[in-house]
Amino acid sequence: FDRILRSPDAIDALGEYDYDVALAQLVGPLVLTKLATLTPLGEAAGEQIVDDFLAARGVSS
């Protein structure tokens, strides 16, 4: 995550952001399903999480 979220491309695309909050938003749903022993999220759900994260910042995926 560090390599991606702290890269020059990410900083250009996302603008100024709180790294810890961004990490929580992206990883939180995955951790929740694991801790709550829910069915693991599939690839499509992972893509949706990233798309929603980017859309919230006005970045098209």
C-alpha atoms as a PDB file:
ATOM      1  CA  PHE A   1       0.000   0.000   0.000  1.00  0.00           C
ATOM      2  CA  ASP A   2       2.815   2.410   0.817  1.00  0.00           C
ATOM      3  CA  ARG A   3       4.378   2.034  -2.608  1.00  0.00           C
ATOM      4  CA  ILE A   4       1.074   2.808  -4.294  1.00  0.00           C
ATOM      5  CA  LEU A   5      -0.529   5.406  -2.025  1.00  0.00           C
ATOM      6  CA  ARG A   6       2.692   7.381  -1.499  1.00  0.00           C
ATOM      7  CA  SER A   7       3.806   7.293  -5.136  1.00  0.00           C
ATOM      8  CA  PRO A   8       4.067  10.557  -7.104  1.00  0.00           C
ATOM      9  CA  ASP A   9       1.265   9.352  -9.408  1.00  0.00           C
ATOM     10  CA  ALA A  10      -1.070   8.730  -6.461  1.00  0.00           C
ATOM     11  CA  ILE A  11      -0.273  12.093  -4.914  1.00  0.00           C
ATOM     12  CA  ASP A  12      -0.942  13.809  -8.258  1.00  0.00           C
ATOM     13  CA  ALA A  13      -4.226  11.939  -8.738  1.00  0.00           C
ATOM     14  CA  LEU A  14      -5.545  12.085  -5.172  1.00  0.00           C
ATOM     15  CA  GLY A  15      -4.224  15.454  -4.093  1.00  0.00           C
ATOM     16  CA  GLU A  16      -3.634  16.029  -0.405  1.00  0.00           C
ATOM     17  CA  TYR A  17      -5.112  13.258   1.746  1.00  0.00           C
ATOM     18  CA  ASP A  18      -4.665  11.543   5.100  1.00  0.00           C
ATOM     19  CA  TYR A  19      -2.747   8.323   4.482  1.00  0.00           C
ATOM     20  CA  ASP A  20      -4.097   6.537   7.569  1.00  0.00           C
ATOM     21  CA  VAL A  21      -7.709   7.339   6.673  1.00  0.00           C
ATOM     22  CA  ALA A  22      -7.176   6.237   3.070  1.00  0.00           C
ATOM     23  CA  LEU A  23      -5.643   2.975   4.231  1.00  0.00           C
ATOM     24  CA  ALA A  24      -8.532   2.361   6.642  1.00  0.00           C
ATOM     25  CA  GLN A  25     -11.068   3.010   3.880  1.00  0.00           C
ATOM     26  CA  LEU A  26      -9.379   0.604   1.494  1.00  0.00           C
ATOM     27  CA  VAL A  27      -8.410  -2.176   3.911  1.00  0.00           C
ATOM     28  CA  GLY A  28     -11.246  -1.829   6.427  1.00  0.00           C
ATOM     29  CA  PRO A  29     -13.856  -3.805   4.470  1.00  0.00           C
ATOM     30  CA  LEU A  30     -11.408  -6.669   3.953  1.00  0.00           C
ATOM     31  CA  VAL A  31     -10.430  -6.781   7.621  1.00  0.00           C
ATOM     32  CA  LEU A  32     -14.066  -6.592   8.737  1.00  0.00           C
ATOM     33  CA  THR A  33     -15.069  -9.642   6.726  1.00  0.00           C
ATOM     34  CA  LYS A  34     -12.104 -11.566   8.137  1.00  0.00           C
ATOM     35  CA  LEU A  35     -12.732 -10.555  11.775  1.00  0.00           C
ATOM     36  CA  ALA A  36     -16.473 -11.157  11.543  1.00  0.00           C
ATOM     37  CA  THR A  37     -15.839 -14.512   9.858  1.00  0.00           C
ATOM     38  CA  LEU A  38     -17.985 -13.471   6.913  1.00  0.00           C
ATOM     39  CA  THR A  39     -17.598 -14.843   3.422  1.00  0.00           C
ATOM     40  CA  PRO A  40     -14.434 -13.312   1.926  1.00  0.00           C
ATOM     41  CA  LEU A  41     -15.001 -10.525  -0.549  1.00  0.00           C
ATOM     42  CA  GLY A  42     -14.242 -11.459  -4.118  1.00  0.00           C
ATOM     43  CA  GLU A  43     -12.257  -9.630  -6.749  1.00  0.00           C
ATOM     44  CA  ALA A  44     -15.309  -7.689  -7.954  1.00  0.00           C
ATOM     45  CA  ALA A  45     -15.920  -6.347  -4.438  1.00  0.00           C
ATOM     46  CA  GLY A  46     -12.274  -5.302  -4.179  1.00  0.00           C
ATOM     47  CA  GLU A  47     -12.565  -3.436  -7.455  1.00  0.00           C
ATOM     48  CA  GLN A  48     -15.753  -1.743  -6.223  1.00  0.00           C
ATOM     49  CA  ILE A  49     -14.012  -0.653  -3.001  1.00  0.00           C
ATOM     50  CA  VAL A  50     -11.191   0.953  -4.998  1.00  0.00           C
ATOM     51  CA  ASP A  51     -13.610   2.518  -7.506  1.00  0.00           C
ATOM     52  CA  ASP A  52     -15.675   4.011  -4.664  1.00  0.00           C
ATOM     53  CA  PHE A  53     -12.521   5.328  -2.973  1.00  0.00           C
ATOM     54  CA  LEU A  54     -11.387   7.005  -6.187  1.00  0.00           C
ATOM     55  CA  ALA A  55     -14.852   8.363  -7.007  1.00  0.00           C
ATOM     56  CA  ALA A  56     -15.099   9.947  -3.558  1.00  0.00           C
ATOM     57  CA  ARG A  57     -11.970  11.916  -4.446  1.00  0.00           C
ATOM     58  CA  GLY A  58     -13.161  12.858  -7.914  1.00  0.00           C
ATOM     59  CA  VAL A  59     -10.756  10.492  -9.673  1.00  0.00           C
ATOM     60  CA  SER A  60     -12.084   8.343 -12.498  1.00  0.00           C
ATOM     61  CA  SER A  61     -10.881   4.746 -12.513  1.00  0.00           C
END
